[in-house]
Amino acid sequence: MESPEEAYALLARLREKYAIPKEEPLWKRATPSELKQAIREWVDEERPSAPPLSEDALRRESLYA
């Protein structure tokens, strides 16, 4: 049986070999103009239609029930 140190070393090698590198989030790596463009594109995306809420659904009593 392997020691904990050997197991951790093996795990580190496997992570290095098979893990997908994480990309920095857009807000960290984008320039202000790139971020502005990305937000505009997101705003312009088509949204799925949703039925409007009924008056009863918006009543205070319904919100806290």
PDB file of N, CA and C in Angstrom:
ATOM      1  N   MET A   1       0.846  -1.183   0.000  1.00  0.00           N
ATOM      2  CA  MET A   1       0.000   0.000   0.000  1.00  0.00           C
ATOM      3  C   MET A   1       0.890   1.245   0.000  1.00  0.00           C
ATOM      4  N   GLU A   2       0.450   2.258  -0.727  1.00  0.00           N
ATOM      5  CA  GLU A   2       1.232   3.486  -0.846  1.00  0.00           C
ATOM      6  C   GLU A   2       1.088   4.358   0.402  1.00  0.00           C
ATOM      7  N   SER A   3       2.122   5.119   0.659  1.00  0.00           N
ATOM      8  CA  SER A   3       2.058   6.061   1.775  1.00  0.00           C
ATOM      9  C   SER A   3       1.229   7.275   1.336  1.00  0.00           C
ATOM     10  N   PRO A   4       0.743   8.074   2.269  1.00  0.00           N
ATOM     11  CA  PRO A   4      -0.017   9.273   1.887  1.00  0.00           C
ATOM     12  C   PRO A   4       0.785  10.219   1.002  1.00  0.00           C
ATOM     13  N   GLU A   5       2.079  10.327   1.258  1.00  0.00           N
ATOM     14  CA  GLU A   5       2.915  11.209   0.439  1.00  0.00           C
ATOM     15  C   GLU A   5       2.980  10.725  -1.003  1.00  0.00           C
ATOM     16  N   GLU A   6       3.108   9.411  -1.169  1.00  0.00           N
ATOM     17  CA  GLU A   6       3.150   8.834  -2.518  1.00  0.00           C
ATOM     18  C   GLU A   6       1.809   9.022  -3.224  1.00  0.00           C
ATOM     19  N   ALA A   7       0.738   8.844  -2.479  1.00  0.00           N
ATOM     20  CA  ALA A   7      -0.596   9.019  -3.057  1.00  0.00           C
ATOM     21  C   ALA A   7      -0.810  10.466  -3.493  1.00  0.00           C
ATOM     22  N   TYR A   8      -0.388  11.419  -2.677  1.00  0.00           N
ATOM     23  CA  TYR A   8      -0.519  12.835  -3.037  1.00  0.00           C
ATOM     24  C   TYR A   8       0.328  13.177  -4.257  1.00  0.00           C
ATOM     25  N   ALA A   9       1.525  12.591  -4.335  1.00  0.00           N
ATOM     26  CA  ALA A   9       2.388  12.831  -5.484  1.00  0.00           C
ATOM     27  C   ALA A   9       1.752  12.265  -6.759  1.00  0.00           C
ATOM     28  N   LEU A  10       1.193  11.073  -6.649  1.00  0.00           N
ATOM     29  CA  LEU A  10       0.509  10.470  -7.796  1.00  0.00           C
ATOM     30  C   LEU A  10      -0.684  11.316  -8.212  1.00  0.00           C
ATOM     31  N   LEU A  11      -1.452  11.769  -7.249  1.00  0.00           N
ATOM     32  CA  LEU A  11      -2.604  12.616  -7.543  1.00  0.00           C
ATOM     33  C   LEU A  11      -2.168  13.912  -8.233  1.00  0.00           C
ATOM     34  N   ALA A  12      -1.091  14.500  -7.774  1.00  0.00           N
ATOM     35  CA  ALA A  12      -0.585  15.731  -8.392  1.00  0.00           C
ATOM     36  C   ALA A  12      -0.167  15.475  -9.838  1.00  0.00           C
ATOM     37  N   ARG A  13       0.500  14.339 -10.094  1.00  0.00           N
ATOM     38  CA  ARG A  13       0.898  14.010 -11.470  1.00  0.00           C
ATOM     39  C   ARG A  13      -0.324  13.795 -12.353  1.00  0.00           C
ATOM     40  N   LEU A  14      -1.333  13.113 -11.844  1.00  0.00           N
ATOM     41  CA  LEU A  14      -2.546  12.869 -12.625  1.00  0.00           C
ATOM     42  C   LEU A  14      -3.290  14.169 -12.915  1.00  0.00           C
ATOM     43  N   ARG A  15      -3.353  15.048 -11.926  1.00  0.00           N
ATOM     44  CA  ARG A  15      -3.996  16.354 -12.141  1.00  0.00           C
ATOM     45  C   ARG A  15      -3.266  17.144 -13.217  1.00  0.00           C
ATOM     46  N   GLU A  16      -1.952  17.130 -13.140  1.00  0.00           N
ATOM     47  CA  GLU A  16      -1.140  17.872 -14.104  1.00  0.00           C
ATOM     48  C   GLU A  16      -1.359  17.327 -15.519  1.00  0.00           C
ATOM     49  N   LYS A  17      -1.498  16.016 -15.620  1.00  0.00           N
ATOM     50  CA  LYS A  17      -1.617  15.373 -16.928  1.00  0.00           C
ATOM     51  C   LYS A  17      -3.024  15.495 -17.512  1.00  0.00           C
ATOM     52  N   TYR A  18      -4.073  15.365 -16.672  1.00  0.00           N
ATOM     53  CA  TYR A  18      -5.436  15.244 -17.193  1.00  0.00           C
ATOM     54  C   TYR A  18      -6.371  16.410 -16.889  1.00  0.00           C
ATOM     55  N   ALA A  19      -6.027  17.264 -15.977  1.00  0.00           N
ATOM     56  CA  ALA A  19      -6.937  18.348 -15.602  1.00  0.00           C
ATOM     57  C   ALA A  19      -7.014  19.379 -16.718  1.00  0.00           C
ATOM     58  N   ILE A  20      -8.210  19.892 -16.915  1.00  0.00           N
ATOM     59  CA  ILE A  20      -8.415  20.943 -17.899  1.00  0.00           C
ATOM     60  C   ILE A  20      -8.002  22.260 -17.254  1.00  0.00           C
ATOM     61  N   PRO A  21      -7.104  23.001 -17.897  1.00  0.00           N
ATOM     62  CA  PRO A  21      -6.681  24.267 -17.281  1.00  0.00           C
ATOM     63  C   PRO A  21      -7.857  25.229 -17.175  1.00  0.00           C
ATOM     64  N   LYS A  22      -7.946  25.888 -16.051  1.00  0.00           N
ATOM     65  CA  LYS A  22      -9.033  26.840 -15.831  1.00  0.00           C
ATOM     66  C   LYS A  22      -8.682  28.175 -16.469  1.00  0.00           C
ATOM     67  N   GLU A  23      -9.641  28.699 -17.189  1.00  0.00           N
ATOM     68  CA  GLU A  23      -9.452  29.986 -17.832  1.00  0.00           C
ATOM     69  C   GLU A  23      -9.898  31.080 -16.871  1.00  0.00           C
ATOM     70  N   GLU A  24      -9.183  32.167 -16.855  1.00  0.00           N
ATOM     71  CA  GLU A  24      -9.569  33.301 -16.007  1.00  0.00           C
ATOM     72  C   GLU A  24     -10.941  33.799 -16.434  1.00  0.00           C
ATOM     73  N   PRO A  25     -11.767  34.245 -15.515  1.00  0.00           N
ATOM     74  CA  PRO A  25     -13.070  34.775 -15.904  1.00  0.00           C
ATOM     75  C   PRO A  25     -12.928  36.033 -16.760  1.00  0.00           C
ATOM     76  N   LEU A  26     -13.934  36.262 -17.564  1.00  0.00           N
ATOM     77  CA  LEU A  26     -13.896  37.385 -18.498  1.00  0.00           C
ATOM     78  C   LEU A  26     -13.649  38.711 -17.788  1.00  0.00           C
ATOM     79  N   TRP A  27     -14.292  38.920 -16.659  1.00  0.00           N
ATOM     80  CA  TRP A  27     -14.155  40.208 -15.972  1.00  0.00           C
ATOM     81  C   TRP A  27     -12.733  40.462 -15.492  1.00  0.00           C
ATOM     82  N   LYS A  28     -11.923  39.401 -15.371  1.00  0.00           N
ATOM     83  CA  LYS A  28     -10.535  39.584 -14.943  1.00  0.00           C
ATOM     84  C   LYS A  28      -9.593  39.815 -16.111  1.00  0.00           C
ATOM     85  N   ARG A  29      -9.894  39.215 -17.265  1.00  0.00           N
ATOM     86  CA  ARG A  29      -8.939  39.257 -18.368  1.00  0.00           C
ATOM     87  C   ARG A  29      -9.314  40.216 -19.485  1.00  0.00           C
ATOM     88  N   ALA A  30     -10.561  40.679 -19.530  1.00  0.00           N
ATOM     89  CA  ALA A  30     -11.007  41.530 -20.634  1.00  0.00           C
ATOM     90  C   ALA A  30     -10.656  42.992 -20.397  1.00  0.00           C
ATOM     91  N   THR A  31     -10.427  43.669 -21.498  1.00  0.00           N
ATOM     92  CA  THR A  31     -10.252  45.119 -21.422  1.00  0.00           C
ATOM     93  C   THR A  31     -11.637  45.729 -21.215  1.00  0.00           C
ATOM     94  N   PRO A  32     -11.714  46.975 -20.784  1.00  0.00           N
ATOM     95  CA  PRO A  32     -13.028  47.598 -20.603  1.00  0.00           C
ATOM     96  C   PRO A  32     -13.892  47.550 -21.869  1.00  0.00           C
ATOM     97  N   SER A  33     -13.291  47.755 -23.030  1.00  0.00           N
ATOM     98  CA  SER A  33     -14.094  47.728 -24.265  1.00  0.00           C
ATOM     99  C   SER A  33     -14.562  46.306 -24.586  1.00  0.00           C
ATOM    100  N   GLU A  34     -13.727  45.293 -24.323  1.00  0.00           N
ATOM    101  CA  GLU A  34     -14.142  43.897 -24.540  1.00  0.00           C
ATOM    102  C   GLU A  34     -15.264  43.518 -23.589  1.00  0.00           C
ATOM    103  N   LEU A  35     -15.164  43.965 -22.357  1.00  0.00           N
ATOM    104  CA  LEU A  35     -16.204  43.684 -21.375  1.00  0.00           C
ATOM    105  C   LEU A  35     -17.510  44.359 -21.769  1.00  0.00           C
ATOM    106  N   LYS A  36     -17.418  45.590 -22.223  1.00  0.00           N
ATOM    107  CA  LYS A  36     -18.601  46.326 -22.679  1.00  0.00           C
ATOM    108  C   LYS A  36     -19.267  45.591 -23.843  1.00  0.00           C
ATOM    109  N   GLN A  37     -18.469  45.120 -24.785  1.00  0.00           N
ATOM    110  CA  GLN A  37     -19.001  44.389 -25.941  1.00  0.00           C
ATOM    111  C   GLN A  37     -19.653  43.078 -25.503  1.00  0.00           C
ATOM    112  N   ALA A  38     -19.031  42.357 -24.583  1.00  0.00           N
ATOM    113  CA  ALA A  38     -19.579  41.094 -24.101  1.00  0.00           C
ATOM    114  C   ALA A  38     -20.908  41.310 -23.387  1.00  0.00           C
ATOM    115  N   ILE A  39     -21.005  42.375 -22.616  1.00  0.00           N
ATOM    116  CA  ILE A  39     -22.266  42.672 -21.918  1.00  0.00           C
ATOM    117  C   ILE A  39     -23.350  43.024 -22.916  1.00  0.00           C
ATOM    118  N   ARG A  40     -23.012  43.811 -23.923  1.00  0.00           N
ATOM    119  CA  ARG A  40     -23.997  44.163 -24.954  1.00  0.00           C
ATOM    120  C   ARG A  40     -24.478  42.924 -25.710  1.00  0.00           C
ATOM    121  N   GLU A  41     -23.569  42.009 -26.029  1.00  0.00           N
ATOM    122  CA  GLU A  41     -23.960  40.777 -26.705  1.00  0.00           C
ATOM    123  C   GLU A  41     -24.880  39.945 -25.820  1.00  0.00           C
ATOM    124  N   TRP A  42     -24.579  39.881 -24.529  1.00  0.00           N
ATOM    125  CA  TRP A  42     -25.415  39.126 -23.603  1.00  0.00           C
ATOM    126  C   TRP A  42     -26.808  39.743 -23.513  1.00  0.00           C
ATOM    127  N   VAL A  43     -26.881  41.065 -23.470  1.00  0.00           N
ATOM    128  CA  VAL A  43     -28.163  41.760 -23.385  1.00  0.00           C
ATOM    129  C   VAL A  43     -28.996  41.489 -24.635  1.00  0.00           C
ATOM    130  N   ASP A  44     -28.342  41.426 -25.783  1.00  0.00           N
ATOM    131  CA  ASP A  44     -29.045  41.231 -27.044  1.00  0.00           C
ATOM    132  C   ASP A  44     -29.448  39.776 -27.317  1.00  0.00           C
ATOM    133  N   GLU A  45     -28.986  38.844 -26.486  1.00  0.00           N
ATOM    134  CA  GLU A  45     -29.345  37.437 -26.694  1.00  0.00           C
ATOM    135  C   GLU A  45     -30.850  37.253 -26.568  1.00  0.00           C
ATOM    136  N   GLU A  46     -31.354  36.327 -27.371  1.00  0.00           N
ATOM    137  CA  GLU A  46     -32.783  36.034 -27.303  1.00  0.00           C
ATOM    138  C   GLU A  46     -33.071  35.253 -26.027  1.00  0.00           C
ATOM    139  N   ARG A  47     -34.092  35.662 -25.331  1.00  0.00           N
ATOM    140  CA  ARG A  47     -34.477  35.008 -24.077  1.00  0.00           C
ATOM    141  C   ARG A  47     -35.684  34.102 -24.320  1.00  0.00           C
ATOM    142  N   PRO A  48     -35.763  33.002 -23.587  1.00  0.00           N
ATOM    143  CA  PRO A  48     -36.953  32.166 -23.711  1.00  0.00           C
ATOM    144  C   PRO A  48     -38.173  32.923 -23.178  1.00  0.00           C
ATOM    145  N   SER A  49     -39.280  32.733 -23.839  1.00  0.00           N
ATOM    146  CA  SER A  49     -40.477  33.442 -23.382  1.00  0.00           C
ATOM    147  C   SER A  49     -41.011  32.763 -22.121  1.00  0.00           C
ATOM    148  N   ALA A  50     -41.512  33.561 -21.239  1.00  0.00           N
ATOM    149  CA  ALA A  50     -42.080  33.061 -19.989  1.00  0.00           C
ATOM    150  C   ALA A  50     -43.458  33.685 -19.828  1.00  0.00           C
ATOM    151  N   PRO A  51     -44.396  32.910 -19.312  1.00  0.00           N
ATOM    152  CA  PRO A  51     -45.726  33.490 -19.128  1.00  0.00           C
ATOM    153  C   PRO A  51     -45.681  34.587 -18.067  1.00  0.00           C
ATOM    154  N   PRO A  52     -46.483  35.622 -18.235  1.00  0.00           N
ATOM    155  CA  PRO A  52     -46.504  36.685 -17.224  1.00  0.00           C
ATOM    156  C   PRO A  52     -47.091  36.167 -15.914  1.00  0.00           C
ATOM    157  N   LEU A  53     -46.662  36.780 -14.823  1.00  0.00           N
ATOM    158  CA  LEU A  53     -47.196  36.397 -13.512  1.00  0.00           C
ATOM    159  C   LEU A  53     -48.589  36.984 -13.336  1.00  0.00           C
ATOM    160  N   SER A  54     -49.436  36.222 -12.681  1.00  0.00           N
ATOM    161  CA  SER A  54     -50.792  36.703 -12.420  1.00  0.00           C
ATOM    162  C   SER A  54     -50.761  37.734 -11.292  1.00  0.00           C
ATOM    163  N   GLU A  55     -51.836  38.499 -11.178  1.00  0.00           N
ATOM    164  CA  GLU A  55     -51.937  39.482 -10.090  1.00  0.00           C
ATOM    165  C   GLU A  55     -51.861  38.776  -8.740  1.00  0.00           C
ATOM    166  N   ASP A  56     -52.467  37.598  -8.647  1.00  0.00           N
ATOM    167  CA  ASP A  56     -52.457  36.855  -7.388  1.00  0.00           C
ATOM    168  C   ASP A  56     -51.033  36.449  -7.004  1.00  0.00           C
ATOM    169  N   ALA A  57     -50.216  36.102  -7.987  1.00  0.00           N
ATOM    170  CA  ALA A  57     -48.840  35.686  -7.708  1.00  0.00           C
ATOM    171  C   ALA A  57     -48.013  36.832  -7.145  1.00  0.00           C
ATOM    172  N   LEU A  58     -48.406  38.065  -7.445  1.00  0.00           N
ATOM    173  CA  LEU A  58     -47.651  39.225  -6.987  1.00  0.00           C
ATOM    174  C   LEU A  58     -48.162  39.798  -5.665  1.00  0.00           C
ATOM    175  N   ARG A  59     -49.240  39.254  -5.154  1.00  0.00           N
ATOM    176  CA  ARG A  59     -49.765  39.751  -3.876  1.00  0.00           C
ATOM    177  C   ARG A  59     -48.810  39.379  -2.745  1.00  0.00           C
ATOM    178  N   ARG A  60     -48.683  40.265  -1.787  1.00  0.00           N
ATOM    179  CA  ARG A  60     -47.771  40.053  -0.656  1.00  0.00           C
ATOM    180  C   ARG A  60     -48.055  38.734   0.069  1.00  0.00           C
ATOM    181  N   GLU A  61     -49.322  38.419   0.232  1.00  0.00           N
ATOM    182  CA  GLU A  61     -49.689  37.188   0.940  1.00  0.00           C
ATOM    183  C   GLU A  61     -49.191  35.952   0.201  1.00  0.00           C
ATOM    184  N   SER A  62     -49.182  36.031  -1.124  1.00  0.00           N
ATOM    185  CA  SER A  62     -48.709  34.892  -1.911  1.00  0.00           C
ATOM    186  C   SER A  62     -47.200  34.749  -1.845  1.00  0.00           C
ATOM    187  N   LEU A  63     -46.497  35.869  -1.723  1.00  0.00           N
ATOM    188  CA  LEU A  63     -45.047  35.832  -1.683  1.00  0.00           C
ATOM    189  C   LEU A  63     -44.528  35.153  -0.417  1.00  0.00           C
ATOM    190  N   TYR A  64     -45.228  35.317   0.684  1.00  0.00           N
ATOM    191  CA  TYR A  64     -44.746  34.795   1.963  1.00  0.00           C
ATOM    192  C   TYR A  64     -45.486  33.544   2.408  1.00  0.00           C
ATOM    193  N   ALA A  65     -46.289  32.981   1.545  1.00  0.00           N
ATOM    194  CA  ALA A  65     -47.072  31.792   1.933  1.00  0.00           C
ATOM    195  C   ALA A  65     -46.247  30.543   1.844  1.00  0.00           C
TER     196      ALA A  65
END
